[in-house]
Amino acid sequence: MGSFSIWHWLIVLAVVLLLFGRGKIPELMGDVAKGIKSFKKGMSDEESEAKTAERRSLDAHDGDVVSRDVKTEKTVG
């Protein structure tokens, strides 16, 4: 009751082949592969943009600290 026999799998395979045909299945798998590659590329681009934004934020913050120190020295001196 819980598992399928070989005959069930053969019938399912036959129905899938009838619905999609022999040429459609490789085409669908190629589209899936392209989608996965595109997703991975998008994720790596997003990570590189986040790292670049973090570096810019740190650089801007370091520049603010230096300019504050210079302003403090001028008012004191």
N, C-alpha and C. Protein backbone atom coordinates (compact mmCIF):
# COMPACT_ATOMS: atom_id res chain seq x y z
N MET A 1 0.81 -1.19 0.00
CA MET A 1 0.00 0.00 0.00
C MET A 1 0.86 1.26 0.00
N GLY A 2 2.00 1.26 0.70
CA GLY A 2 2.83 2.45 0.81
C GLY A 2 3.84 2.60 -0.30
N SER A 3 4.17 1.52 -1.02
CA SER A 3 5.19 1.62 -2.06
C SER A 3 4.59 1.24 -3.41
N PHE A 4 5.21 1.72 -4.46
CA PHE A 4 4.75 1.43 -5.81
C PHE A 4 5.54 0.26 -6.37
N SER A 5 4.87 -0.54 -7.17
CA SER A 5 5.56 -1.64 -7.83
C SER A 5 6.17 -1.14 -9.14
N ILE A 6 6.92 -1.98 -9.79
CA ILE A 6 7.56 -1.61 -11.05
C ILE A 6 6.52 -1.27 -12.10
N TRP A 7 5.36 -1.93 -12.06
CA TRP A 7 4.31 -1.67 -13.04
C TRP A 7 3.75 -0.26 -12.89
N HIS A 8 3.64 0.21 -11.66
CA HIS A 8 3.16 1.58 -11.45
C HIS A 8 4.13 2.59 -12.07
N TRP A 9 5.42 2.38 -11.86
CA TRP A 9 6.42 3.29 -12.39
C TRP A 9 6.45 3.25 -13.92
N LEU A 10 6.27 2.07 -14.51
CA LEU A 10 6.24 1.96 -15.97
C LEU A 10 5.03 2.69 -16.56
N ILE A 11 3.90 2.60 -15.91
CA ILE A 11 2.71 3.32 -16.39
C ILE A 11 2.91 4.82 -16.27
N VAL A 12 3.48 5.28 -15.16
CA VAL A 12 3.75 6.71 -14.99
C VAL A 12 4.73 7.19 -16.07
N LEU A 13 5.76 6.42 -16.33
CA LEU A 13 6.73 6.78 -17.37
C LEU A 13 6.08 6.86 -18.73
N ALA A 14 5.21 5.91 -19.04
CA ALA A 14 4.51 5.91 -20.32
C ALA A 14 3.61 7.14 -20.45
N VAL A 15 2.90 7.51 -19.40
CA VAL A 15 2.04 8.68 -19.44
C VAL A 15 2.86 9.95 -19.64
N VAL A 16 3.97 10.05 -18.95
CA VAL A 16 4.84 11.23 -19.08
C VAL A 16 5.36 11.33 -20.51
N LEU A 17 5.81 10.20 -21.07
CA LEU A 17 6.31 10.22 -22.44
C LEU A 17 5.21 10.58 -23.44
N LEU A 18 3.99 10.13 -23.19
CA LEU A 18 2.89 10.48 -24.08
C LEU A 18 2.54 11.96 -24.00
N LEU A 19 2.59 12.52 -22.80
CA LEU A 19 2.23 13.93 -22.63
C LEU A 19 3.30 14.86 -23.20
N PHE A 20 4.56 14.58 -22.91
CA PHE A 20 5.63 15.50 -23.28
C PHE A 20 6.37 15.10 -24.55
N GLY A 21 6.33 13.85 -24.91
CA GLY A 21 7.07 13.40 -26.09
C GLY A 21 8.55 13.27 -25.77
N ARG A 22 9.28 12.64 -26.68
CA ARG A 22 10.70 12.40 -26.43
C ARG A 22 11.51 13.69 -26.49
N GLY A 23 11.15 14.61 -27.34
CA GLY A 23 11.95 15.82 -27.52
C GLY A 23 11.74 16.86 -26.42
N LYS A 24 10.60 16.84 -25.79
CA LYS A 24 10.27 17.86 -24.79
C LYS A 24 11.02 17.67 -23.49
N ILE A 25 11.26 16.45 -23.07
CA ILE A 25 11.89 16.21 -21.77
C ILE A 25 13.32 16.78 -21.74
N PRO A 26 14.18 16.50 -22.74
CA PRO A 26 15.52 17.12 -22.70
C PRO A 26 15.45 18.64 -22.78
N GLU A 27 14.48 19.15 -23.54
CA GLU A 27 14.31 20.60 -23.64
C GLU A 27 13.93 21.20 -22.27
N LEU A 28 13.02 20.54 -21.57
CA LEU A 28 12.63 21.01 -20.24
C LEU A 28 13.81 20.95 -19.26
N MET A 29 14.59 19.88 -19.34
CA MET A 29 15.74 19.75 -18.43
C MET A 29 16.78 20.83 -18.74
N GLY A 30 16.95 21.16 -20.02
CA GLY A 30 17.87 22.24 -20.39
C GLY A 30 17.41 23.58 -19.85
N ASP A 31 16.11 23.81 -19.90
CA ASP A 31 15.56 25.06 -19.35
C ASP A 31 15.75 25.13 -17.84
N VAL A 32 15.59 23.99 -17.18
CA VAL A 32 15.80 23.95 -15.73
C VAL A 32 17.26 24.25 -15.42
N ALA A 33 18.18 23.67 -16.19
CA ALA A 33 19.61 23.91 -15.97
C ALA A 33 19.96 25.38 -16.18
N LYS A 34 19.39 26.00 -17.22
CA LYS A 34 19.64 27.42 -17.46
C LYS A 34 19.11 28.27 -16.30
N GLY A 35 17.97 27.89 -15.78
CA GLY A 35 17.39 28.62 -14.65
C GLY A 35 18.27 28.53 -13.42
N ILE A 36 18.81 27.35 -13.16
CA ILE A 36 19.69 27.17 -12.00
C ILE A 36 20.96 27.99 -12.17
N LYS A 37 21.55 27.98 -13.37
CA LYS A 37 22.75 28.78 -13.62
C LYS A 37 22.48 30.26 -13.44
N SER A 38 21.34 30.72 -13.93
CA SER A 38 20.97 32.12 -13.79
C SER A 38 20.78 32.50 -12.33
N PHE A 39 20.15 31.61 -11.58
CA PHE A 39 19.95 31.85 -10.15
C PHE A 39 21.28 31.96 -9.42
N LYS A 40 22.20 31.04 -9.69
CA LYS A 40 23.52 31.06 -9.05
C LYS A 40 24.27 32.34 -9.41
N LYS A 41 24.20 32.76 -10.67
CA LYS A 41 24.87 33.98 -11.09
C LYS A 41 24.28 35.19 -10.38
N GLY A 42 22.97 35.23 -10.26
CA GLY A 42 22.31 36.33 -9.55
C GLY A 42 22.71 36.38 -8.09
N MET A 43 22.82 35.22 -7.46
CA MET A 43 23.22 35.18 -6.05
C MET A 43 24.65 35.67 -5.88
N SER A 44 25.56 35.26 -6.78
CA SER A 44 26.95 35.70 -6.65
C SER A 44 27.07 37.20 -6.94
N ASP A 45 26.29 37.72 -7.89
CA ASP A 45 26.30 39.16 -8.16
C ASP A 45 25.80 39.94 -6.96
N GLU A 46 24.77 39.42 -6.32
CA GLU A 46 24.19 40.08 -5.15
C GLU A 46 25.19 40.11 -3.99
N GLU A 47 25.92 39.00 -3.81
CA GLU A 47 26.92 38.96 -2.74
C GLU A 47 28.05 39.93 -3.02
N SER A 48 28.50 40.03 -4.28
CA SER A 48 29.59 40.95 -4.59
C SER A 48 29.14 42.40 -4.42
N GLU A 49 27.88 42.70 -4.77
CA GLU A 49 27.36 44.06 -4.56
C GLU A 49 27.28 44.40 -3.08
N ALA A 50 26.89 43.43 -2.27
CA ALA A 50 26.80 43.66 -0.83
C ALA A 50 28.19 43.91 -0.24
N LYS A 51 29.17 43.15 -0.69
CA LYS A 51 30.54 43.36 -0.20
C LYS A 51 31.06 44.73 -0.61
N THR A 52 30.77 45.13 -1.85
CA THR A 52 31.22 46.43 -2.33
C THR A 52 30.55 47.55 -1.53
N ALA A 53 29.27 47.42 -1.27
CA ALA A 53 28.56 48.43 -0.49
C ALA A 53 29.10 48.50 0.93
N GLU A 54 29.44 47.35 1.50
CA GLU A 54 30.00 47.32 2.86
C GLU A 54 31.35 48.02 2.89
N ARG A 55 32.18 47.76 1.86
CA ARG A 55 33.50 48.42 1.81
C ARG A 55 33.34 49.93 1.68
N ARG A 56 32.39 50.36 0.83
CA ARG A 56 32.18 51.80 0.66
C ARG A 56 31.70 52.43 1.96
N SER A 57 30.85 51.71 2.67
CA SER A 57 30.34 52.21 3.93
C SER A 57 31.47 52.36 4.95
N LEU A 58 32.33 51.35 5.00
CA LEU A 58 33.47 51.42 5.93
C LEU A 58 34.42 52.53 5.54
N ASP A 59 34.69 52.69 4.24
CA ASP A 59 35.58 53.76 3.79
C ASP A 59 34.99 55.13 4.11
N ALA A 60 33.70 55.29 3.90
CA ALA A 60 33.05 56.58 4.19
C ALA A 60 33.08 56.85 5.69
N HIS A 61 32.87 55.81 6.48
CA HIS A 61 32.90 55.97 7.93
C HIS A 61 34.30 56.35 8.39
N ASP A 62 35.33 55.73 7.84
CA ASP A 62 36.71 56.07 8.20
C ASP A 62 37.02 57.50 7.81
N GLY A 63 36.52 57.98 6.69
CA GLY A 63 36.73 59.36 6.27
C GLY A 63 36.07 60.34 7.22
N ASP A 64 34.89 60.00 7.73
CA ASP A 64 34.21 60.87 8.69
C ASP A 64 35.01 60.99 9.98
N VAL A 65 35.58 59.90 10.43
CA VAL A 65 36.35 59.92 11.68
C VAL A 65 37.57 60.80 11.52
N VAL A 66 38.25 60.70 10.38
CA VAL A 66 39.44 61.52 10.15
C VAL A 66 39.05 62.98 10.09
N SER A 67 37.98 63.33 9.40
CA SER A 67 37.60 64.73 9.29
C SER A 67 37.14 65.27 10.65
N ARG A 68 36.51 64.45 11.47
CA ARG A 68 36.12 64.91 12.79
C ARG A 68 37.34 65.20 13.64
N ASP A 69 38.37 64.35 13.53
CA ASP A 69 39.60 64.58 14.29
C ASP A 69 40.26 65.87 13.86
N VAL A 70 40.27 66.15 12.58
CA VAL A 70 40.88 67.38 12.07
C VAL A 70 40.11 68.59 12.58
N LYS A 71 38.78 68.53 12.56
CA LYS A 71 37.98 69.65 13.05
C LYS A 71 38.22 69.87 14.53
N THR A 72 38.35 68.81 15.30
CA THR A 72 38.59 68.94 16.73
C THR A 72 39.94 69.59 16.99
N GLU A 73 40.94 69.19 16.22
CA GLU A 73 42.27 69.77 16.41
C GLU A 73 42.28 71.25 16.09
N LYS A 74 41.54 71.65 15.06
CA LYS A 74 41.51 73.06 14.67
C LYS A 74 40.83 73.92 15.74
N THR A 75 39.77 73.43 16.32
CA THR A 75 39.06 74.23 17.33
C THR A 75 39.85 74.31 18.62
N VAL A 76 40.56 73.23 18.94
CA VAL A 76 41.33 73.23 20.18
C VAL A 76 42.59 74.08 20.01
N GLY A 77 43.26 73.95 18.88
CA GLY A 77 44.55 74.58 18.67
C GLY A 77 44.49 75.98 18.31
